[in-house]
Amino acid sequence: MKQSIALSSLLVPAGLVSTTAQSAEFASADCVTGLNEIGQISVSNIAGNPQDVERIVALKADEQGASWYRIIQMYEDQQPDNWRVQAILYA
């Protein structure tokens, strides 16, 4: 089953993403005003659930020196529990 999750419906409650191994944090669309966009990332073939995908994005954002990230597209590939995601990074 192919599933598409829009950013507006991807408002993850606080606490789903562990902050122990990363410093980059999720930012909703209304929170990025005034932040400097520093790039984008695309990651594919992520196994797991949406929370696993978010942890990977947070780690990748942190590796690139971002303080914040905003997921703009996340969808499940043809194989169940195999995800693709795109995110914008902010300083």
PDB file of N, CA and C in Angstrom:
ATOM      1  N   MET A   1       0.842  -1.177   0.000  1.00  0.00           N
ATOM      2  CA  MET A   1       0.000   0.000   0.000  1.00  0.00           C
ATOM      3  C   MET A   1       0.879   1.230   0.000  1.00  0.00           C
ATOM      4  N   LYS A   2       0.712   2.079  -0.958  1.00  0.00           N
ATOM      5  CA  LYS A   2       1.487   3.301  -1.060  1.00  0.00           C
ATOM      6  C   LYS A   2       0.788   4.387  -0.263  1.00  0.00           C
ATOM      7  N   GLN A   3       1.558   5.064   0.525  1.00  0.00           N
ATOM      8  CA  GLN A   3       0.979   6.045   1.427  1.00  0.00           C
ATOM      9  C   GLN A   3       1.740   7.348   1.273  1.00  0.00           C
ATOM     10  N   SER A   4       1.032   8.443   1.219  1.00  0.00           N
ATOM     11  CA  SER A   4       1.648   9.751   1.122  1.00  0.00           C
ATOM     12  C   SER A   4       1.261  10.567   2.327  1.00  0.00           C
ATOM     13  N   ILE A   5       2.247  11.192   2.951  1.00  0.00           N
ATOM     14  CA  ILE A   5       1.995  11.991   4.141  1.00  0.00           C
ATOM     15  C   ILE A   5       2.431  13.413   3.861  1.00  0.00           C
ATOM     16  N   ALA A   6       1.515  14.342   3.876  1.00  0.00           N
ATOM     17  CA  ALA A   6       1.824  15.751   3.647  1.00  0.00           C
ATOM     18  C   ALA A   6       2.381  16.351   4.921  1.00  0.00           C
ATOM     19  N   LEU A   7       3.178  17.389   4.765  1.00  0.00           N
ATOM     20  CA  LEU A   7       3.776  18.041   5.921  1.00  0.00           C
ATOM     21  C   LEU A   7       2.727  18.516   6.898  1.00  0.00           C
ATOM     22  N   SER A   8       1.637  19.063   6.383  1.00  0.00           N
ATOM     23  CA  SER A   8       0.612  19.581   7.280  1.00  0.00           C
ATOM     24  C   SER A   8       0.011  18.493   8.157  1.00  0.00           C
ATOM     25  N   SER A   9       0.033  17.250   7.694  1.00  0.00           N
ATOM     26  CA  SER A   9      -0.495  16.172   8.519  1.00  0.00           C
ATOM     27  C   SER A   9       0.600  15.463   9.293  1.00  0.00           C
ATOM     28  N   LEU A  10       1.828  15.931   9.176  1.00  0.00           N
ATOM     29  CA  LEU A  10       2.953  15.291   9.826  1.00  0.00           C
ATOM     30  C   LEU A  10       3.431  16.105  11.017  1.00  0.00           C
ATOM     31  N   LEU A  11       2.526  16.537  11.823  1.00  0.00           N
ATOM     32  CA  LEU A  11       2.894  17.259  13.030  1.00  0.00           C
ATOM     33  C   LEU A  11       3.085  16.236  14.127  1.00  0.00           C
ATOM     34  N   VAL A  12       4.329  15.849  14.315  1.00  0.00           N
ATOM     35  CA  VAL A  12       4.649  14.783  15.239  1.00  0.00           C
ATOM     36  C   VAL A  12       4.644  15.314  16.665  1.00  0.00           C
ATOM     37  N   PRO A  13       3.945  14.646  17.556  1.00  0.00           N
ATOM     38  CA  PRO A  13       3.945  15.089  18.947  1.00  0.00           C
ATOM     39  C   PRO A  13       5.355  15.062  19.534  1.00  0.00           C
ATOM     40  N   ALA A  14       5.610  15.959  20.441  1.00  0.00           N
ATOM     41  CA  ALA A  14       6.916  16.032  21.091  1.00  0.00           C
ATOM     42  C   ALA A  14       7.203  14.713  21.784  1.00  0.00           C
ATOM     43  N   GLY A  15       8.456  14.315  21.714  1.00  0.00           N
ATOM     44  CA  GLY A  15       8.855  13.101  22.402  1.00  0.00           C
ATOM     45  C   GLY A  15       8.997  11.889  21.507  1.00  0.00           C
ATOM     46  N   LEU A  16       8.551  11.950  20.263  1.00  0.00           N
ATOM     47  CA  LEU A  16       8.690  10.797  19.390  1.00  0.00           C
ATOM     48  C   LEU A  16      10.099  10.681  18.833  1.00  0.00           C
ATOM     49  N   VAL A  17      10.800  11.781  18.759  1.00  0.00           N
ATOM     50  CA  VAL A  17      12.153  11.761  18.245  1.00  0.00           C
ATOM     51  C   VAL A  17      13.110  11.940  19.412  1.00  0.00           C
ATOM     52  N   SER A  18      13.987  11.000  19.575  1.00  0.00           N
ATOM     53  CA  SER A  18      14.955  11.086  20.659  1.00  0.00           C
ATOM     54  C   SER A  18      15.946  12.198  20.367  1.00  0.00           C
ATOM     55  N   THR A  19      16.233  13.013  21.356  1.00  0.00           N
ATOM     56  CA  THR A  19      17.168  14.112  21.151  1.00  0.00           C
ATOM     57  C   THR A  19      18.533  13.810  21.750  1.00  0.00           C
ATOM     58  N   THR A  20      18.761  12.584  22.190  1.00  0.00           N
ATOM     59  CA  THR A  20      20.031  12.264  22.816  1.00  0.00           C
ATOM     60  C   THR A  20      21.189  12.212  21.822  1.00  0.00           C
ATOM     61  N   ALA A  21      20.929  11.790  20.569  1.00  0.00           N
ATOM     62  CA  ALA A  21      22.020  11.623  19.610  1.00  0.00           C
ATOM     63  C   ALA A  21      22.041  12.696  18.541  1.00  0.00           C
ATOM     64  N   GLN A  22      21.196  13.685  18.630  1.00  0.00           N
ATOM     65  CA  GLN A  22      21.160  14.709  17.605  1.00  0.00           C
ATOM     66  C   GLN A  22      20.783  16.045  18.215  1.00  0.00           C
ATOM     67  N   SER A  23      21.109  17.101  17.474  1.00  0.00           N
ATOM     68  CA  SER A  23      20.712  18.417  17.945  1.00  0.00           C
ATOM     69  C   SER A  23      19.715  19.069  17.000  1.00  0.00           C
ATOM     70  N   ALA A  24      19.625  18.596  15.754  1.00  0.00           N
ATOM     71  CA  ALA A  24      18.650  19.159  14.821  1.00  0.00           C
ATOM     72  C   ALA A  24      17.250  18.768  15.275  1.00  0.00           C
ATOM     73  N   GLU A  25      16.315  19.716  15.172  1.00  0.00           N
ATOM     74  CA  GLU A  25      14.954  19.479  15.640  1.00  0.00           C
ATOM     75  C   GLU A  25      13.951  19.714  14.523  1.00  0.00           C
ATOM     76  N   PHE A  26      12.805  19.033  14.619  1.00  0.00           N
ATOM     77  CA  PHE A  26      11.713  19.196  13.678  1.00  0.00           C
ATOM     78  C   PHE A  26      11.149  20.607  13.789  1.00  0.00           C
ATOM     79  N   ALA A  27      10.857  21.223  12.649  1.00  0.00           N
ATOM     80  CA  ALA A  27      10.231  22.549  12.625  1.00  0.00           C
ATOM     81  C   ALA A  27       9.024  22.495  11.706  1.00  0.00           C
ATOM     82  N   SER A  28       7.875  22.904  12.207  1.00  0.00           N
ATOM     83  CA  SER A  28       6.681  22.947  11.357  1.00  0.00           C
ATOM     84  C   SER A  28       6.795  24.143  10.414  1.00  0.00           C
ATOM     85  N   ALA A  29       5.968  24.162   9.393  1.00  0.00           N
ATOM     86  CA  ALA A  29       6.039  25.199   8.362  1.00  0.00           C
ATOM     87  C   ALA A  29       5.892  26.602   8.938  1.00  0.00           C
ATOM     88  N   ASP A  30       5.072  26.770   9.956  1.00  0.00           N
ATOM     89  CA  ASP A  30       4.870  28.110  10.523  1.00  0.00           C
ATOM     90  C   ASP A  30       6.013  28.545  11.435  1.00  0.00           C
ATOM     91  N   CYS A  31       6.946  27.648  11.735  1.00  0.00           N
ATOM     92  CA  CYS A  31       8.068  27.990  12.621  1.00  0.00           C
ATOM     93  C   CYS A  31       9.349  28.351  11.878  1.00  0.00           C
ATOM     94  N   VAL A  32       9.394  28.193  10.557  1.00  0.00           N
ATOM     95  CA  VAL A  32      10.646  28.399   9.833  1.00  0.00           C
ATOM     96  C   VAL A  32      10.836  29.830   9.329  1.00  0.00           C
ATOM     97  N   THR A  33       9.829  30.672   9.509  1.00  0.00           N
ATOM     98  CA  THR A  33       9.964  32.068   9.099  1.00  0.00           C
ATOM     99  C   THR A  33      11.131  32.693   9.857  1.00  0.00           C
ATOM    100  N   GLY A  34      12.048  33.274   9.123  1.00  0.00           N
ATOM    101  CA  GLY A  34      13.203  33.899   9.745  1.00  0.00           C
ATOM    102  C   GLY A  34      14.417  32.991   9.870  1.00  0.00           C
ATOM    103  N   LEU A  35      14.252  31.696   9.627  1.00  0.00           N
ATOM    104  CA  LEU A  35      15.391  30.785   9.665  1.00  0.00           C
ATOM    105  C   LEU A  35      16.061  30.772   8.298  1.00  0.00           C
ATOM    106  N   ASN A  36      17.358  30.531   8.278  1.00  0.00           N
ATOM    107  CA  ASN A  36      18.106  30.468   7.029  1.00  0.00           C
ATOM    108  C   ASN A  36      18.102  29.048   6.480  1.00  0.00           C
ATOM    109  N   GLU A  37      17.574  28.891   5.259  1.00  0.00           N
ATOM    110  CA  GLU A  37      17.600  27.592   4.603  1.00  0.00           C
ATOM    111  C   GLU A  37      19.031  27.308   4.166  1.00  0.00           C
ATOM    112  N   ILE A  38      19.566  26.149   4.566  1.00  0.00           N
ATOM    113  CA  ILE A  38      20.955  25.830   4.228  1.00  0.00           C
ATOM    114  C   ILE A  38      21.072  24.652   3.276  1.00  0.00           C
ATOM    115  N   GLY A  39      19.950  24.036   2.924  1.00  0.00           N
ATOM    116  CA  GLY A  39      20.018  22.939   1.966  1.00  0.00           C
ATOM    117  C   GLY A  39      18.821  22.020   2.070  1.00  0.00           C
ATOM    118  N   GLN A  40      18.893  20.961   1.271  1.00  0.00           N
ATOM    119  CA  GLN A  40      17.857  19.936   1.274  1.00  0.00           C
ATOM    120  C   GLN A  40      18.517  18.577   1.309  1.00  0.00           C
ATOM    121  N   ILE A  41      17.794  17.609   1.846  1.00  0.00           N
ATOM    122  CA  ILE A  41      18.268  16.232   1.805  1.00  0.00           C
ATOM    123  C   ILE A  41      17.155  15.341   1.270  1.00  0.00           C
ATOM    124  N   SER A  42      17.553  14.284   0.607  1.00  0.00           N
ATOM    125  CA  SER A  42      16.652  13.237   0.144  1.00  0.00           C
ATOM    126  C   SER A  42      17.240  11.914   0.586  1.00  0.00           C
ATOM    127  N   VAL A  43      16.425  11.102   1.205  1.00  0.00           N
ATOM    128  CA  VAL A  43      16.886   9.794   1.669  1.00  0.00           C
ATOM    129  C   VAL A  43      15.854   8.775   1.220  1.00  0.00           C
ATOM    130  N   SER A  44      16.328   7.642   0.714  1.00  0.00           N
ATOM    131  CA  SER A  44      15.408   6.590   0.278  1.00  0.00           C
ATOM    132  C   SER A  44      15.820   5.265   0.899  1.00  0.00           C
ATOM    133  N   ASN A  45      14.958   4.292   0.737  1.00  0.00           N
ATOM    134  CA  ASN A  45      15.183   2.939   1.259  1.00  0.00           C
ATOM    135  C   ASN A  45      15.368   2.917   2.773  1.00  0.00           C
ATOM    136  N   ILE A  46      14.549   3.667   3.468  1.00  0.00           N
ATOM    137  CA  ILE A  46      14.579   3.660   4.924  1.00  0.00           C
ATOM    138  C   ILE A  46      13.562   2.628   5.399  1.00  0.00           C
ATOM    139  N   ALA A  47      14.036   1.621   6.085  1.00  0.00           N
ATOM    140  CA  ALA A  47      13.148   0.587   6.599  1.00  0.00           C
ATOM    141  C   ALA A  47      12.590   1.028   7.944  1.00  0.00           C
ATOM    142  N   GLY A  48      11.334   0.694   8.191  1.00  0.00           N
ATOM    143  CA  GLY A  48      10.740   0.985   9.485  1.00  0.00           C
ATOM    144  C   GLY A  48       9.444   1.747   9.373  1.00  0.00           C
ATOM    145  N   ASN A  49       9.168   2.532  10.392  1.00  0.00           N
ATOM    146  CA  ASN A  49       7.925   3.300  10.468  1.00  0.00           C
ATOM    147  C   ASN A  49       8.238   4.797  10.368  1.00  0.00           C
ATOM    148  N   PRO A  50       7.228   5.660  10.339  1.00  0.00           N
ATOM    149  CA  PRO A  50       7.485   7.097  10.201  1.00  0.00           C
ATOM    150  C   PRO A  50       8.399   7.683  11.287  1.00  0.00           C
ATOM    151  N   GLN A  51       8.339   7.148  12.494  1.00  0.00           N
ATOM    152  CA  GLN A  51       9.223   7.642  13.553  1.00  0.00           C
ATOM    153  C   GLN A  51      10.685   7.285  13.267  1.00  0.00           C
ATOM    154  N   ASP A  52      10.917   6.105  12.694  1.00  0.00           N
ATOM    155  CA  ASP A  52      12.272   5.725  12.288  1.00  0.00           C
ATOM    156  C   ASP A  52      12.778   6.667  11.203  1.00  0.00           C
ATOM    157  N   VAL A  53      11.902   7.010  10.266  1.00  0.00           N
ATOM    158  CA  VAL A  53      12.265   7.925   9.179  1.00  0.00           C
ATOM    159  C   VAL A  53      12.661   9.270   9.764  1.00  0.00           C
ATOM    160  N   GLU A  54      11.894   9.771  10.713  1.00  0.00           N
ATOM    161  CA  GLU A  54      12.214  11.060  11.317  1.00  0.00           C
ATOM    162  C   GLU A  54      13.537  11.043  12.057  1.00  0.00           C
ATOM    163  N   ARG A  55      13.837   9.941  12.731  1.00  0.00           N
ATOM    164  CA  ARG A  55      15.140   9.836  13.414  1.00  0.00           C
ATOM    165  C   ARG A  55      16.286   9.915  12.417  1.00  0.00           C
ATOM    166  N   ILE A  56      16.137   9.244  11.270  1.00  0.00           N
ATOM    167  CA  ILE A  56      17.173   9.274  10.224  1.00  0.00           C
ATOM    168  C   ILE A  56      17.335  10.698   9.689  1.00  0.00           C
ATOM    169  N   VAL A  57      16.227  11.375   9.411  1.00  0.00           N
ATOM    170  CA  VAL A  57      16.283  12.752   8.904  1.00  0.00           C
ATOM    171  C   VAL A  57      16.971  13.652   9.930  1.00  0.00           C
ATOM    172  N   ALA A  58      16.631  13.504  11.196  1.00  0.00           N
ATOM    173  CA  ALA A  58      17.243  14.331  12.234  1.00  0.00           C
ATOM    174  C   ALA A  58      18.751  14.099  12.300  1.00  0.00           C
ATOM    175  N   LEU A  59      19.173  12.854  12.196  1.00  0.00           N
ATOM    176  CA  LEU A  59      20.610  12.553  12.216  1.00  0.00           C
ATOM    177  C   LEU A  59      21.320  13.117  10.990  1.00  0.00           C
ATOM    178  N   LYS A  60      20.695  12.977   9.806  1.00  0.00           N
ATOM    179  CA  LYS A  60      21.286  13.527   8.578  1.00  0.00           C
ATOM    180  C   LYS A  60      21.365  15.054   8.651  1.00  0.00           C
ATOM    181  N   ALA A  61      20.335  15.679   9.179  1.00  0.00           N
ATOM    182  CA  ALA A  61      20.334  17.136   9.331  1.00  0.00           C
ATOM    183  C   ALA A  61      21.452  17.568  10.263  1.00  0.00           C
ATOM    184  N   ASP A  62      21.618  16.847  11.342  1.00  0.00           N
ATOM    185  CA  ASP A  62      22.683  17.158  12.292  1.00  0.00           C
ATOM    186  C   ASP A  62      24.059  17.000  11.651  1.00  0.00           C
ATOM    187  N   GLU A  63      24.236  15.958  10.848  1.00  0.00           N
ATOM    188  CA  GLU A  63      25.511  15.741  10.146  1.00  0.00           C
ATOM    189  C   GLU A  63      25.847  16.917   9.230  1.00  0.00           C
ATOM    190  N   GLN A  64      24.820  17.565   8.681  1.00  0.00           N
ATOM    191  CA  GLN A  64      25.022  18.686   7.759  1.00  0.00           C
ATOM    192  C   GLN A  64      25.076  20.030   8.487  1.00  0.00           C
ATOM    193  N   GLY A  65      25.033  20.011   9.813  1.00  0.00           N
ATOM    194  CA  GLY A  65      25.150  21.236  10.576  1.00  0.00           C
ATOM    195  C   GLY A  65      23.858  22.016  10.730  1.00  0.00           C
ATOM    196  N   ALA A  66      22.735  21.399  10.463  1.00  0.00           N
ATOM    197  CA  ALA A  66      21.448  22.082  10.587  1.00  0.00           C
ATOM    198  C   ALA A  66      20.973  22.078  12.036  1.00  0.00           C
ATOM    199  N   SER A  67      20.289  23.136  12.406  1.00  0.00           N
ATOM    200  CA  SER A  67      19.660  23.197  13.722  1.00  0.00           C
ATOM    201  C   SER A  67      18.211  22.730  13.659  1.00  0.00           C
ATOM    202  N   TRP A  68      17.606  22.884  12.484  1.00  0.00           N
ATOM    203  CA  TRP A  68      16.207  22.557  12.272  1.00  0.00           C
ATOM    204  C   TRP A  68      16.046  21.849  10.938  1.00  0.00           C
ATOM    205  N   TYR A  69      15.001  21.058  10.819  1.00  0.00           N
ATOM    206  CA  TYR A  69      14.641  20.449   9.542  1.00  0.00           C
ATOM    207  C   TYR A  69      13.126  20.465   9.415  1.00  0.00           C
ATOM    208  N   ARG A  70      12.672  20.499   8.177  1.00  0.00           N
ATOM    209  CA  ARG A  70      11.236  20.449   7.895  1.00  0.00           C
ATOM    210  C   ARG A  70      11.017  19.404   6.813  1.00  0.00           C
ATOM    211  N   ILE A  71      10.284  18.370   7.129  1.00  0.00           N
ATOM    212  CA  ILE A  71       9.991  17.317   6.166  1.00  0.00           C
ATOM    213  C   ILE A  71       8.947  17.849   5.189  1.00  0.00           C
ATOM    214  N   ILE A  72       9.300  17.823   3.897  1.00  0.00           N
ATOM    215  CA  ILE A  72       8.377  18.336   2.896  1.00  0.00           C
ATOM    216  C   ILE A  72       7.692  17.212   2.122  1.00  0.00           C
ATOM    217  N   GLN A  73       8.271  16.028   2.164  1.00  0.00           N
ATOM    218  CA  GLN A  73       7.636  14.891   1.491  1.00  0.00           C
ATOM    219  C   GLN A  73       8.123  13.603   2.132  1.00  0.00           C
ATOM    220  N   MET A  74       7.193  12.737   2.453  1.00  0.00           N
ATOM    221  CA  MET A  74       7.542  11.415   2.963  1.00  0.00           C
ATOM    222  C   MET A  74       6.491  10.442   2.440  1.00  0.00           C
ATOM    223  N   TYR A  75       6.947   9.380   1.823  1.00  0.00           N
ATOM    224  CA  TYR A  75       6.000   8.389   1.348  1.00  0.00           C
ATOM    225  C   TYR A  75       6.595   6.994   1.410  1.00  0.00           C
ATOM    226  N   GLU A  76       5.693   6.048   1.519  1.00  0.00           N
ATOM    227  CA  GLU A  76       6.073   4.652   1.581  1.00  0.00           C
ATOM    228  C   GLU A  76       6.268   4.136   0.163  1.00  0.00           C
ATOM    229  N   ASP A  77       7.390   3.494  -0.067  1.00  0.00           N
ATOM    230  CA  ASP A  77       7.703   2.931  -1.371  1.00  0.00           C
ATOM    231  C   ASP A  77       6.792   1.742  -1.655  1.00  0.00           C
ATOM    232  N   GLN A  78       6.999   1.083  -2.773  1.00  0.00           N
ATOM    233  CA  GLN A  78       6.139  -0.041  -3.139  1.00  0.00           C
ATOM    234  C   GLN A  78       6.217  -1.179  -2.138  1.00  0.00           C
ATOM    235  N   GLN A  79       7.364  -1.363  -1.520  1.00  0.00           N
ATOM    236  CA  GLN A  79       7.491  -2.379  -0.484  1.00  0.00           C
ATOM    237  C   GLN A  79       7.014  -1.774   0.834  1.00  0.00           C
ATOM    238  N   PRO A  80       6.183  -2.483   1.572  1.00  0.00           N
ATOM    239  CA  PRO A  80       5.722  -1.954   2.865  1.00  0.00           C
ATOM    240  C   PRO A  80       6.895  -1.655   3.804  1.00  0.00           C
ATOM    241  N   ASP A  81       6.740  -0.618   4.575  1.00  0.00           N
ATOM    242  CA  ASP A  81       7.743  -0.189   5.555  1.00  0.00           C
ATOM    243  C   ASP A  81       9.085   0.165   4.922  1.00  0.00           C
ATOM    244  N   ASN A  82       9.069   0.663   3.700  1.00  0.00           N
ATOM    245  CA  ASN A  82      10.265   1.130   3.012  1.00  0.00           C
ATOM    246  C   ASN A  82       9.956   2.546   2.538  1.00  0.00           C
ATOM    247  N   TRP A  83      10.617   3.540   3.115  1.00  0.00           N
ATOM    248  CA  TRP A  83      10.226   4.934   2.965  1.00  0.00           C
ATOM    249  C   TRP A  83      11.226   5.764   2.174  1.00  0.00           C
ATOM    250  N   ARG A  84      10.707   6.844   1.580  1.00  0.00           N
ATOM    251  CA  ARG A  84      11.508   7.898   0.937  1.00  0.00           C
ATOM    252  C   ARG A  84      11.097   9.211   1.586  1.00  0.00           C
ATOM    253  N   VAL A  85      12.054  10.120   1.729  1.00  0.00           N
ATOM    254  CA  VAL A  85      11.751  11.381   2.407  1.00  0.00           C
ATOM    255  C   VAL A  85      12.616  12.501   1.832  1.00  0.00           C
ATOM    256  N   GLN A  86      12.050  13.703   1.808  1.00  0.00           N
ATOM    257  CA  GLN A  86      12.787  14.911   1.452  1.00  0.00           C
ATOM    258  C   GLN A  86      12.571  15.922   2.569  1.00  0.00           C
ATOM    259  N   ALA A  87      13.607  16.642   2.896  1.00  0.00           N
ATOM    260  CA  ALA A  87      13.519  17.628   3.970  1.00  0.00           C
ATOM    261  C   ALA A  87      14.357  18.847   3.638  1.00  0.00           C
ATOM    262  N   ILE A  88      13.919  19.985   4.130  1.00  0.00           N
ATOM    263  CA  ILE A  88      14.680  21.226   4.023  1.00  0.00           C
ATOM    264  C   ILE A  88      15.402  21.439   5.337  1.00  0.00           C
ATOM    265  N   LEU A  89      16.652  21.853   5.239  1.00  0.00           N
ATOM    266  CA  LEU A  89      17.481  22.082   6.436  1.00  0.00           C
ATOM    267  C   LEU A  89      17.618  23.581   6.695  1.00  0.00           C
ATOM    268  N   TYR A  90      17.635  23.937   7.958  1.00  0.00           N
ATOM    269  CA  TYR A  90      17.731  25.339   8.367  1.00  0.00           C
ATOM    270  C   TYR A  90      18.798  25.522   9.431  1.00  0.00           C
ATOM    271  N   ALA A  91      19.416  26.710   9.419  1.00  0.00           N
ATOM    272  CA  ALA A  91      20.411  27.047  10.444  1.00  0.00           C
ATOM    273  C   ALA A  91      19.739  27.834  11.543  1.00  0.00           C
TER     274      ALA A  91
END
